Amino acid sequence: MVTAHLPEYAERVLEVTEQIPRGRVMSYGDIAEYLGEGGPRQVGRVMSQWGGAVAWWRVIHADGSFLAGHEREALARYQREGTPLRPAGSGTYRVDMRKARWAPSIP
């Protein structure tokens, strides 16, 4: 997945994203904290520019909300993977971060 055309930080973000197991998620901030660099916005920018080739739905907002504009596709993927969800009102869902959050080993 990682190519020589990506900035180093983007490569690192995408490598972490590729490690997230099915049915689990990390927030943008989780990834930045794990890498010890950048912040949620920087991770979000990487995902918006280069995240289409990885499991983008496994990187979400810290409150468990889905990526705006991709809610239907993300929900279908979460359901297929068995990602823990919780009702968010009006027939919508959020990822249950207490159950679904993944914490990789420290590098």
PDB file of N, CA and C in Angstrom:
ATOM      1  N   MET A   1       0.825  -1.187   0.000  1.00  0.00           N
ATOM      2  CA  MET A   1       0.000   0.000   0.000  1.00  0.00           C
ATOM      3  C   MET A   1       0.865   1.245   0.000  1.00  0.00           C
ATOM      4  N   VAL A   2       1.887   1.324   0.811  1.00  0.00           N
ATOM      5  CA  VAL A   2       2.676   2.533   0.952  1.00  0.00           C
ATOM      6  C   VAL A   2       3.570   2.702  -0.269  1.00  0.00           C
ATOM      7  N   THR A   3       3.581   3.930  -0.794  1.00  0.00           N
ATOM      8  CA  THR A   3       4.406   4.197  -1.968  1.00  0.00           C
ATOM      9  C   THR A   3       5.424   5.273  -1.653  1.00  0.00           C
ATOM     10  N   ALA A   4       6.399   5.419  -2.532  1.00  0.00           N
ATOM     11  CA  ALA A   4       7.460   6.412  -2.344  1.00  0.00           C
ATOM     12  C   ALA A   4       6.938   7.836  -2.530  1.00  0.00           C
ATOM     13  N   HIS A   5       5.750   8.024  -3.092  1.00  0.00           N
ATOM     14  CA  HIS A   5       5.206   9.353  -3.359  1.00  0.00           C
ATOM     15  C   HIS A   5       4.542   9.967  -2.136  1.00  0.00           C
ATOM     16  N   LEU A   6       4.342   9.222  -1.095  1.00  0.00           N
ATOM     17  CA  LEU A   6       3.675   9.730   0.103  1.00  0.00           C
ATOM     18  C   LEU A   6       4.667  10.394   1.045  1.00  0.00           C
ATOM     19  N   PRO A   7       4.249  11.474   1.690  1.00  0.00           N
ATOM     20  CA  PRO A   7       5.094  12.024   2.754  1.00  0.00           C
ATOM     21  C   PRO A   7       5.273  10.976   3.850  1.00  0.00           C
ATOM     22  N   GLU A   8       6.380  11.047   4.557  1.00  0.00           N
ATOM     23  CA  GLU A   8       6.680  10.050   5.591  1.00  0.00           C
ATOM     24  C   GLU A   8       5.557   9.949   6.627  1.00  0.00           C
ATOM     25  N   TYR A   9       5.029  11.088   7.077  1.00  0.00           N
ATOM     26  CA  TYR A   9       3.962  11.055   8.081  1.00  0.00           C
ATOM     27  C   TYR A   9       2.733  10.315   7.541  1.00  0.00           C
ATOM     28  N   ALA A  10       2.393  10.559   6.293  1.00  0.00           N
ATOM     29  CA  ALA A  10       1.250   9.878   5.685  1.00  0.00           C
ATOM     30  C   ALA A  10       1.486   8.366   5.641  1.00  0.00           C
ATOM     31  N   GLU A  11       2.676   7.959   5.284  1.00  0.00           N
ATOM     32  CA  GLU A  11       3.007   6.530   5.259  1.00  0.00           C
ATOM     33  C   GLU A  11       2.790   5.908   6.630  1.00  0.00           C
ATOM     34  N   ARG A  12       3.245   6.614   7.663  1.00  0.00           N
ATOM     35  CA  ARG A  12       3.127   6.086   9.026  1.00  0.00           C
ATOM     36  C   ARG A  12       1.651   5.973   9.442  1.00  0.00           C
ATOM     37  N   VAL A  13       0.856   6.974   9.119  1.00  0.00           N
ATOM     38  CA  VAL A  13      -0.576   6.939   9.451  1.00  0.00           C
ATOM     39  C   VAL A  13      -1.249   5.763   8.749  1.00  0.00           C
ATOM     40  N   LEU A  14      -0.972   5.599   7.475  1.00  0.00           N
ATOM     41  CA  LEU A  14      -1.596   4.518   6.709  1.00  0.00           C
ATOM     42  C   LEU A  14      -1.125   3.149   7.179  1.00  0.00           C
ATOM     43  N   GLU A  15       0.129   3.029   7.589  1.00  0.00           N
ATOM     44  CA  GLU A  15       0.624   1.758   8.124  1.00  0.00           C
ATOM     45  C   GLU A  15      -0.116   1.379   9.402  1.00  0.00           C
ATOM     46  N   VAL A  16      -0.354   2.344  10.279  1.00  0.00           N
ATOM     47  CA  VAL A  16      -1.119   2.060  11.500  1.00  0.00           C
ATOM     48  C   VAL A  16      -2.535   1.654  11.130  1.00  0.00           C
ATOM     49  N   THR A  17      -3.145   2.377  10.203  1.00  0.00           N
ATOM     50  CA  THR A  17      -4.515   2.072   9.779  1.00  0.00           C
ATOM     51  C   THR A  17      -4.621   0.647   9.254  1.00  0.00           C
ATOM     52  N   GLU A  18      -3.646   0.208   8.496  1.00  0.00           N
ATOM     53  CA  GLU A  18      -3.657  -1.149   7.953  1.00  0.00           C
ATOM     54  C   GLU A  18      -3.569  -2.219   9.041  1.00  0.00           C
ATOM     55  N   GLN A  19      -3.061  -1.875  10.210  1.00  0.00           N
ATOM     56  CA  GLN A  19      -2.925  -2.843  11.300  1.00  0.00           C
ATOM     57  C   GLN A  19      -4.190  -2.999  12.141  1.00  0.00           C
ATOM     58  N   ILE A  20      -5.131  -2.065  12.028  1.00  0.00           N
ATOM     59  CA  ILE A  20      -6.333  -2.121  12.857  1.00  0.00           C
ATOM     60  C   ILE A  20      -7.138  -3.350  12.458  1.00  0.00           C
ATOM     61  N   PRO A  21      -7.422  -4.243  13.407  1.00  0.00           N
ATOM     62  CA  PRO A  21      -8.146  -5.475  13.080  1.00  0.00           C
ATOM     63  C   PRO A  21      -9.602  -5.219  12.695  1.00  0.00           C
ATOM     64  N   ARG A  22     -10.176  -6.160  11.969  1.00  0.00           N
ATOM     65  CA  ARG A  22     -11.607  -6.113  11.644  1.00  0.00           C
ATOM     66  C   ARG A  22     -12.412  -5.980  12.930  1.00  0.00           C
ATOM     67  N   GLY A  23     -13.450  -5.159  12.886  1.00  0.00           N
ATOM     68  CA  GLY A  23     -14.312  -4.991  14.039  1.00  0.00           C
ATOM     69  C   GLY A  23     -13.776  -4.049  15.104  1.00  0.00           C
ATOM     70  N   ARG A  24     -12.636  -3.444  14.879  1.00  0.00           N
ATOM     71  CA  ARG A  24     -12.012  -2.526  15.840  1.00  0.00           C
ATOM     72  C   ARG A  24     -11.767  -1.191  15.154  1.00  0.00           C
ATOM     73  N   VAL A  25     -11.557  -0.145  15.937  1.00  0.00           N
ATOM     74  CA  VAL A  25     -11.317   1.193  15.405  1.00  0.00           C
ATOM     75  C   VAL A  25     -10.286   1.930  16.238  1.00  0.00           C
ATOM     76  N   MET A  26      -9.755   2.996  15.662  1.00  0.00           N
ATOM     77  CA  MET A  26      -8.932   3.966  16.377  1.00  0.00           C
ATOM     78  C   MET A  26      -9.459   5.338  15.991  1.00  0.00           C
ATOM     79  N   SER A  27      -9.361   6.286  16.910  1.00  0.00           N
ATOM     80  CA  SER A  27      -9.738   7.653  16.565  1.00  0.00           C
ATOM     81  C   SER A  27      -8.551   8.328  15.893  1.00  0.00           C
ATOM     82  N   TYR A  28      -8.836   9.451  15.254  1.00  0.00           N
ATOM     83  CA  TYR A  28      -7.768  10.234  14.641  1.00  0.00           C
ATOM     84  C   TYR A  28      -6.721  10.589  15.695  1.00  0.00           C
ATOM     85  N   GLY A  29      -7.194  11.008  16.863  1.00  0.00           N
ATOM     86  CA  GLY A  29      -6.289  11.366  17.951  1.00  0.00           C
ATOM     87  C   GLY A  29      -5.497  10.188  18.473  1.00  0.00           C
ATOM     88  N   ASP A  30      -6.131   8.996  18.496  1.00  0.00           N
ATOM     89  CA  ASP A  30      -5.416   7.786  18.928  1.00  0.00           C
ATOM     90  C   ASP A  30      -4.199   7.541  18.048  1.00  0.00           C
ATOM     91  N   ILE A  31      -4.387   7.692  16.747  1.00  0.00           N
ATOM     92  CA  ILE A  31      -3.283   7.439  15.819  1.00  0.00           C
ATOM     93  C   ILE A  31      -2.174   8.476  16.014  1.00  0.00           C
ATOM     94  N   ALA A  32      -2.555   9.741  16.143  1.00  0.00           N
ATOM     95  CA  ALA A  32      -1.549  10.785  16.360  1.00  0.00           C
ATOM     96  C   ALA A  32      -0.778  10.529  17.651  1.00  0.00           C
ATOM     97  N   GLU A  33      -1.484  10.147  18.704  1.00  0.00           N
ATOM     98  CA  GLU A  33      -0.829   9.870  19.976  1.00  0.00           C
ATOM     99  C   GLU A  33       0.104   8.666  19.859  1.00  0.00           C
ATOM    100  N   TYR A  34      -0.345   7.625  19.197  1.00  0.00           N
ATOM    101  CA  TYR A  34       0.476   6.429  19.004  1.00  0.00           C
ATOM    102  C   TYR A  34       1.762   6.773  18.249  1.00  0.00           C
ATOM    103  N   LEU A  35       1.635   7.620  17.220  1.00  0.00           N
ATOM    104  CA  LEU A  35       2.808   8.001  16.432  1.00  0.00           C
ATOM    105  C   LEU A  35       3.687   9.017  17.151  1.00  0.00           C
ATOM    106  N   GLY A  36       3.119   9.688  18.144  1.00  0.00           N
ATOM    107  CA  GLY A  36       3.876  10.701  18.867  1.00  0.00           C
ATOM    108  C   GLY A  36       4.154  11.930  18.025  1.00  0.00           C
ATOM    109  N   GLU A  37       3.261  12.179  17.078  1.00  0.00           N
ATOM    110  CA  GLU A  37       3.467  13.289  16.151  1.00  0.00           C
ATOM    111  C   GLU A  37       2.129  13.718  15.581  1.00  0.00           C
ATOM    112  N   GLY A  38       1.992  15.017  15.321  1.00  0.00           N
ATOM    113  CA  GLY A  38       0.770  15.530  14.717  1.00  0.00           C
ATOM    114  C   GLY A  38      -0.387  15.500  15.693  1.00  0.00           C
ATOM    115  N   GLY A  39      -1.570  15.632  15.167  1.00  0.00           N
ATOM    116  CA  GLY A  39      -2.779  15.623  15.965  1.00  0.00           C
ATOM    117  C   GLY A  39      -3.919  15.068  15.141  1.00  0.00           C
ATOM    118  N   PRO A  40      -5.130  15.082  15.695  1.00  0.00           N
ATOM    119  CA  PRO A  40      -6.279  14.530  14.970  1.00  0.00           C
ATOM    120  C   PRO A  40      -6.482  15.151  13.584  1.00  0.00           C
ATOM    121  N   ARG A  41      -6.299  16.441  13.483  1.00  0.00           N
ATOM    122  CA  ARG A  41      -6.509  17.095  12.180  1.00  0.00           C
ATOM    123  C   ARG A  41      -5.495  16.646  11.140  1.00  0.00           C
ATOM    124  N   GLN A  42      -4.264  16.453  11.563  1.00  0.00           N
ATOM    125  CA  GLN A  42      -3.238  15.997  10.626  1.00  0.00           C
ATOM    126  C   GLN A  42      -3.544  14.570  10.151  1.00  0.00           C
ATOM    127  N   VAL A  43      -3.977  13.723  11.077  1.00  0.00           N
ATOM    128  CA  VAL A  43      -4.351  12.357  10.702  1.00  0.00           C
ATOM    129  C   VAL A  43      -5.562  12.406   9.769  1.00  0.00           C
ATOM    130  N   GLY A  44      -6.542  13.245  10.082  1.00  0.00           N
ATOM    131  CA  GLY A  44      -7.711  13.386   9.218  1.00  0.00           C
ATOM    132  C   GLY A  44      -7.343  13.838   7.817  1.00  0.00           C
ATOM    133  N   ARG A  45      -6.390  14.738   7.732  1.00  0.00           N
ATOM    134  CA  ARG A  45      -5.945  15.208   6.413  1.00  0.00           C
ATOM    135  C   ARG A  45      -5.301  14.071   5.622  1.00  0.00           C
ATOM    136  N   VAL A  46      -4.463  13.294   6.278  1.00  0.00           N
ATOM    137  CA  VAL A  46      -3.855  12.139   5.610  1.00  0.00           C
ATOM    138  C   VAL A  46      -4.943  11.198   5.114  1.00  0.00           C
ATOM    139  N   MET A  47      -5.902  10.908   5.980  1.00  0.00           N
ATOM    140  CA  MET A  47      -6.965   9.974   5.603  1.00  0.00           C
ATOM    141  C   MET A  47      -7.800  10.520   4.447  1.00  0.00           C
ATOM    142  N   SER A  48      -8.070  11.831   4.440  1.00  0.00           N
ATOM    143  CA  SER A  48      -8.873  12.399   3.363  1.00  0.00           C
ATOM    144  C   SER A  48      -8.129  12.386   2.033  1.00  0.00           C
ATOM    145  N   GLN A  49      -6.818  12.525   2.066  1.00  0.00           N
ATOM    146  CA  GLN A  49      -6.044  12.568   0.829  1.00  0.00           C
ATOM    147  C   GLN A  49      -5.612  11.200   0.319  1.00  0.00           C
ATOM    148  N   TRP A  50      -5.244  10.307   1.237  1.00  0.00           N
ATOM    149  CA  TRP A  50      -4.671   9.025   0.816  1.00  0.00           C
ATOM    150  C   TRP A  50      -5.324   7.800   1.449  1.00  0.00           C
ATOM    151  N   GLY A  51      -6.352   7.971   2.242  1.00  0.00           N
ATOM    152  CA  GLY A  51      -6.925   6.859   2.987  1.00  0.00           C
ATOM    153  C   GLY A  51      -7.854   5.935   2.227  1.00  0.00           C
ATOM    154  N   GLY A  52      -8.158   6.243   0.984  1.00  0.00           N
ATOM    155  CA  GLY A  52      -9.093   5.422   0.220  1.00  0.00           C
ATOM    156  C   GLY A  52      -8.629   4.000  -0.031  1.00  0.00           C
ATOM    157  N   ALA A  53      -7.333   3.758   0.021  1.00  0.00           N
ATOM    158  CA  ALA A  53      -6.789   2.428  -0.275  1.00  0.00           C
ATOM    159  C   ALA A  53      -6.644   1.555   0.974  1.00  0.00           C
ATOM    160  N   VAL A  54      -6.966   2.106   2.138  1.00  0.00           N
ATOM    161  CA  VAL A  54      -6.892   1.347   3.387  1.00  0.00           C
ATOM    162  C   VAL A  54      -8.287   1.272   4.005  1.00  0.00           C
ATOM    163  N   ALA A  55      -8.414   0.608   5.134  1.00  0.00           N
ATOM    164  CA  ALA A  55      -9.700   0.465   5.816  1.00  0.00           C
ATOM    165  C   ALA A  55     -10.061   1.776   6.528  1.00  0.00           C
ATOM    166  N   TRP A  56     -10.405   2.793   5.744  1.00  0.00           N
ATOM    167  CA  TRP A  56     -10.671   4.150   6.238  1.00  0.00           C
ATOM    168  C   TRP A  56     -11.754   4.199   7.300  1.00  0.00           C
ATOM    169  N   TRP A  57     -12.743   3.297   7.236  1.00  0.00           N
ATOM    170  CA  TRP A  57     -13.850   3.292   8.183  1.00  0.00           C
ATOM    171  C   TRP A  57     -13.408   2.898   9.590  1.00  0.00           C
ATOM    172  N   ARG A  58     -12.218   2.373   9.732  1.00  0.00           N
ATOM    173  CA  ARG A  58     -11.705   2.000  11.055  1.00  0.00           C
ATOM    174  C   ARG A  58     -11.022   3.168  11.766  1.00  0.00           C
ATOM    175  N   VAL A  59     -10.952   4.326  11.125  1.00  0.00           N
ATOM    176  CA  VAL A  59     -10.388   5.537  11.732  1.00  0.00           C
ATOM    177  C   VAL A  59     -11.530   6.550  11.820  1.00  0.00           C
ATOM    178  N   ILE A  60     -11.915   6.887  13.056  1.00  0.00           N
ATOM    179  CA  ILE A  60     -13.127   7.693  13.245  1.00  0.00           C
ATOM    180  C   ILE A  60     -12.922   8.780  14.292  1.00  0.00           C
ATOM    181  N   HIS A  61     -13.966   9.551  14.483  1.00  0.00           N
ATOM    182  CA  HIS A  61     -13.971  10.586  15.516  1.00  0.00           C
ATOM    183  C   HIS A  61     -13.978   9.920  16.896  1.00  0.00           C
ATOM    184  N   ALA A  62     -13.419  10.592  17.882  1.00  0.00           N
ATOM    185  CA  ALA A  62     -13.310  10.040  19.235  1.00  0.00           C
ATOM    186  C   ALA A  62     -14.669   9.760  19.868  1.00  0.00           C
ATOM    187  N   ASP A  63     -15.724  10.430  19.404  1.00  0.00           N
ATOM    188  CA  ASP A  63     -17.059  10.185  19.956  1.00  0.00           C
ATOM    189  C   ASP A  63     -17.767   9.005  19.281  1.00  0.00           C
ATOM    190  N   GLY A  64     -17.099   8.355  18.342  1.00  0.00           N
ATOM    191  CA  GLY A  64     -17.674   7.192  17.674  1.00  0.00           C
ATOM    192  C   GLY A  64     -18.531   7.522  16.474  1.00  0.00           C
ATOM    193  N   SER A  65     -18.636   8.806  16.121  1.00  0.00           N
ATOM    194  CA  SER A  65     -19.472   9.180  14.980  1.00  0.00           C
ATOM    195  C   SER A  65     -18.783   8.792  13.671  1.00  0.00           C
ATOM    196  N   PHE A  66     -19.602   8.550  12.672  1.00  0.00           N
ATOM    197  CA  PHE A  66     -19.121   8.097  11.379  1.00  0.00           C
ATOM    198  C   PHE A  66     -18.623   9.282  10.551  1.00  0.00           C
ATOM    199  N   LEU A  67     -17.835   8.993   9.548  1.00  0.00           N
ATOM    200  CA  LEU A  67     -17.322   9.997   8.641  1.00  0.00           C
ATOM    201  C   LEU A  67     -18.480  10.592   7.847  1.00  0.00           C
ATOM    202  N   ALA A  68     -18.644  11.902   7.929  1.00  0.00           N
ATOM    203  CA  ALA A  68     -19.741  12.598   7.247  1.00  0.00           C
ATOM    204  C   ALA A  68     -19.698  12.327   5.748  1.00  0.00           C
ATOM    205  N   GLY A  69     -20.854  11.998   5.203  1.00  0.00           N
ATOM    206  CA  GLY A  69     -20.963  11.703   3.785  1.00  0.00           C
ATOM    207  C   GLY A  69     -20.727  10.244   3.444  1.00  0.00           C
ATOM    208  N   HIS A  70     -20.250   9.478   4.408  1.00  0.00           N
ATOM    209  CA  HIS A  70     -19.954   8.052   4.177  1.00  0.00           C
ATOM    210  C   HIS A  70     -20.662   7.170   5.199  1.00  0.00           C
ATOM    211  N   GLU A  71     -21.697   7.701   5.830  1.00  0.00           N
ATOM    212  CA  GLU A  71     -22.359   6.986   6.922  1.00  0.00           C
ATOM    213  C   GLU A  71     -22.923   5.628   6.489  1.00  0.00           C
ATOM    214  N   ARG A  72     -23.589   5.580   5.349  1.00  0.00           N
ATOM    215  CA  ARG A  72     -24.200   4.314   4.916  1.00  0.00           C
ATOM    216  C   ARG A  72     -23.155   3.242   4.636  1.00  0.00           C
ATOM    217  N   GLU A  73     -22.127   3.636   3.904  1.00  0.00           N
ATOM    218  CA  GLU A  73     -21.076   2.667   3.578  1.00  0.00           C
ATOM    219  C   GLU A  73     -20.347   2.214   4.839  1.00  0.00           C
ATOM    220  N   ALA A  74     -20.048   3.166   5.735  1.00  0.00           N
ATOM    221  CA  ALA A  74     -19.356   2.813   6.971  1.00  0.00           C
ATOM    222  C   ALA A  74     -20.214   1.869   7.812  1.00  0.00           C
ATOM    223  N   LEU A  75     -21.517   2.175   7.950  1.00  0.00           N
ATOM    224  CA  LEU A  75     -22.405   1.317   8.738  1.00  0.00           C
ATOM    225  C   LEU A  75     -22.427  -0.096   8.183  1.00  0.00           C
ATOM    226  N   ALA A  76     -22.520  -0.229   6.877  1.00  0.00           N
ATOM    227  CA  ALA A  76     -22.521  -1.566   6.259  1.00  0.00           C
ATOM    228  C   ALA A  76     -21.227  -2.309   6.570  1.00  0.00           C
ATOM    229  N   ARG A  77     -20.116  -1.628   6.521  1.00  0.00           N
ATOM    230  CA  ARG A  77     -18.825  -2.266   6.818  1.00  0.00           C
ATOM    231  C   ARG A  77     -18.736  -2.648   8.293  1.00  0.00           C
ATOM    232  N   TYR A  78     -19.191  -1.761   9.174  1.00  0.00           N
ATOM    233  CA  TYR A  78     -19.178  -2.076  10.607  1.00  0.00           C
ATOM    234  C   TYR A  78     -20.032  -3.307  10.891  1.00  0.00           C
ATOM    235  N   GLN A  79     -21.185  -3.367  10.276  1.00  0.00           N
ATOM    236  CA  GLN A  79     -22.074  -4.512  10.501  1.00  0.00           C
ATOM    237  C   GLN A  79     -21.449  -5.794   9.975  1.00  0.00           C
ATOM    238  N   ARG A  80     -20.822  -5.740   8.801  1.00  0.00           N
ATOM    239  CA  ARG A  80     -20.155  -6.934   8.249  1.00  0.00           C
ATOM    240  C   ARG A  80     -19.008  -7.394   9.135  1.00  0.00           C
ATOM    241  N   GLU A  81     -18.282  -6.447   9.714  1.00  0.00           N
ATOM    242  CA  GLU A  81     -17.115  -6.794  10.535  1.00  0.00           C
ATOM    243  C   GLU A  81     -17.467  -7.093  11.983  1.00  0.00           C
ATOM    244  N   GLY A  82     -18.702  -6.832  12.387  1.00  0.00           N
ATOM    245  CA  GLY A  82     -19.090  -7.064  13.773  1.00  0.00           C
ATOM    246  C   GLY A  82     -18.566  -6.003  14.729  1.00  0.00           C
ATOM    247  N   THR A  83     -18.362  -4.794  14.231  1.00  0.00           N
ATOM    248  CA  THR A  83     -17.894  -3.688  15.074  1.00  0.00           C
ATOM    249  C   THR A  83     -18.996  -3.328  16.074  1.00  0.00           C
ATOM    250  N   PRO A  84     -18.690  -3.240  17.369  1.00  0.00           N
ATOM    251  CA  PRO A  84     -19.707  -2.869  18.360  1.00  0.00           C
ATOM    252  C   PRO A  84     -20.268  -1.467  18.088  1.00  0.00           C
ATOM    253  N   LEU A  85     -21.587  -1.377  17.999  1.00  0.00           N
ATOM    254  CA  LEU A  85     -22.279  -0.119  17.749  1.00  0.00           C
ATOM    255  C   LEU A  85     -23.220   0.185  18.892  1.00  0.00           C
ATOM    256  N   ARG A  86     -23.619   1.465  18.982  1.00  0.00           N
ATOM    257  CA  ARG A  86     -24.623   1.866  19.960  1.00  0.00           C
ATOM    258  C   ARG A  86     -25.572   2.837  19.286  1.00  0.00           C
ATOM    259  N   PRO A  87     -26.847   2.821  19.689  1.00  0.00           N
ATOM    260  CA  PRO A  87     -27.809   3.759  19.096  1.00  0.00           C
ATOM    261  C   PRO A  87     -27.420   5.202  19.425  1.00  0.00           C
ATOM    262  N   ALA A  88     -27.635   6.089  18.457  1.00  0.00           N
ATOM    263  CA  ALA A  88     -27.323   7.508  18.657  1.00  0.00           C
ATOM    264  C   ALA A  88     -28.560   8.372  18.459  1.00  0.00           C
ATOM    265  N   GLY A  89     -29.743   7.760  18.406  1.00  0.00           N
ATOM    266  CA  GLY A  89     -30.982   8.504  18.238  1.00  0.00           C
ATOM    267  C   GLY A  89     -31.392   8.650  16.790  1.00  0.00           C
ATOM    268  N   SER A  90     -32.689   8.782  16.579  1.00  0.00           N
ATOM    269  CA  SER A  90     -33.256   8.980  15.230  1.00  0.00           C
ATOM    270  C   SER A  90     -32.816   7.911  14.241  1.00  0.00           C
ATOM    271  N   GLY A  91     -32.670   6.675  14.707  1.00  0.00           N
ATOM    272  CA  GLY A  91     -32.302   5.570  13.832  1.00  0.00           C
ATOM    273  C   GLY A  91     -30.856   5.571  13.389  1.00  0.00           C
ATOM    274  N   THR A  92     -30.020   6.378  14.029  1.00  0.00           N
ATOM    275  CA  THR A  92     -28.602   6.408  13.667  1.00  0.00           C
ATOM    276  C   THR A  92     -27.782   5.657  14.706  1.00  0.00           C
ATOM    277  N   TYR A  93     -26.542   5.418  14.367  1.00  0.00           N
ATOM    278  CA  TYR A  93     -25.633   4.687  15.244  1.00  0.00           C
ATOM    279  C   TYR A  93     -24.302   5.405  15.360  1.00  0.00           C
ATOM    280  N   ARG A  94     -23.562   5.009  16.383  1.00  0.00           N
ATOM    281  CA  ARG A  94     -22.163   5.378  16.562  1.00  0.00           C
ATOM    282  C   ARG A  94     -21.416   4.108  16.931  1.00  0.00           C
ATOM    283  N   VAL A  95     -20.130   4.117  16.714  1.00  0.00           N
ATOM    284  CA  VAL A  95     -19.304   3.005  17.164  1.00  0.00           C
ATOM    285  C   VAL A  95     -19.203   3.106  18.680  1.00  0.00           C
ATOM    286  N   ASP A  96     -19.328   1.979  19.350  1.00  0.00           N
ATOM    287  CA  ASP A  96     -19.162   1.942  20.802  1.00  0.00           C
ATOM    288  C   ASP A  96     -17.659   1.930  21.086  1.00  0.00           C
ATOM    289  N   MET A  97     -17.129   3.107  21.373  1.00  0.00           N
ATOM    290  CA  MET A  97     -15.684   3.250  21.524  1.00  0.00           C
ATOM    291  C   MET A  97     -15.131   2.449  22.698  1.00  0.00           C
ATOM    292  N   ARG A  98     -15.905   2.262  23.739  1.00  0.00           N
ATOM    293  CA  ARG A  98     -15.405   1.469  24.877  1.00  0.00           C
ATOM    294  C   ARG A  98     -15.114   0.036  24.475  1.00  0.00           C
ATOM    295  N   LYS A  99     -15.923  -0.495  23.574  1.00  0.00           N
ATOM    296  CA  LYS A  99     -15.757  -1.884  23.162  1.00  0.00           C
ATOM    297  C   LYS A  99     -14.911  -2.047  21.896  1.00  0.00           C
ATOM    298  N   ALA A 100     -14.950  -1.053  21.023  1.00  0.00           N
ATOM    299  CA  ALA A 100     -14.318  -1.208  19.707  1.00  0.00           C
ATOM    300  C   ALA A 100     -12.919  -0.602  19.596  1.00  0.00           C
ATOM    301  N   ARG A 101     -12.557   0.287  20.513  1.00  0.00           N
ATOM    302  CA  ARG A 101     -11.258   0.979  20.388  1.00  0.00           C
ATOM    303  C   ARG A 101     -10.119  -0.023  20.471  1.00  0.00           C
ATOM    304  N   TRP A 102      -9.178   0.115  19.546  1.00  0.00           N
ATOM    305  CA  TRP A 102      -8.009  -0.769  19.495  1.00  0.00           C
ATOM    306  C   TRP A 102      -6.777   0.017  19.886  1.00  0.00           C
ATOM    307  N   ALA A 103      -5.970  -0.561  20.738  1.00  0.00           N
ATOM    308  CA  ALA A 103      -4.727   0.066  21.174  1.00  0.00           C
ATOM    309  C   ALA A 103      -3.569  -0.856  20.775  1.00  0.00           C
ATOM    310  N   PRO A 104      -2.829  -0.484  19.728  1.00  0.00           N
ATOM    311  CA  PRO A 104      -1.692  -1.328  19.319  1.00  0.00           C
ATOM    312  C   PRO A 104      -0.585  -1.289  20.359  1.00  0.00           C
ATOM    313  N   SER A 105       0.289  -2.252  20.278  1.00  0.00           N
ATOM    314  CA  SER A 105       1.458  -2.276  21.163  1.00  0.00           C
ATOM    315  C   SER A 105       2.347  -1.086  20.845  1.00  0.00           C
ATOM    316  N   ILE A 106       3.017  -0.581  21.856  1.00  0.00           N
ATOM    317  CA  ILE A 106       3.937   0.535  21.657  1.00  0.00           C
ATOM    318  C   ILE A 106       5.097   0.058  20.795  1.00  0.00           C
ATOM    319  N   PRO A 107       5.444   0.852  19.747  1.00  0.00           N
ATOM    320  CA  PRO A 107       6.522   0.402  18.841  1.00  0.00           C
ATOM    321  C   PRO A 107       7.873   0.373  19.538  1.00  0.00           C
TER     322      PRO A 107
END
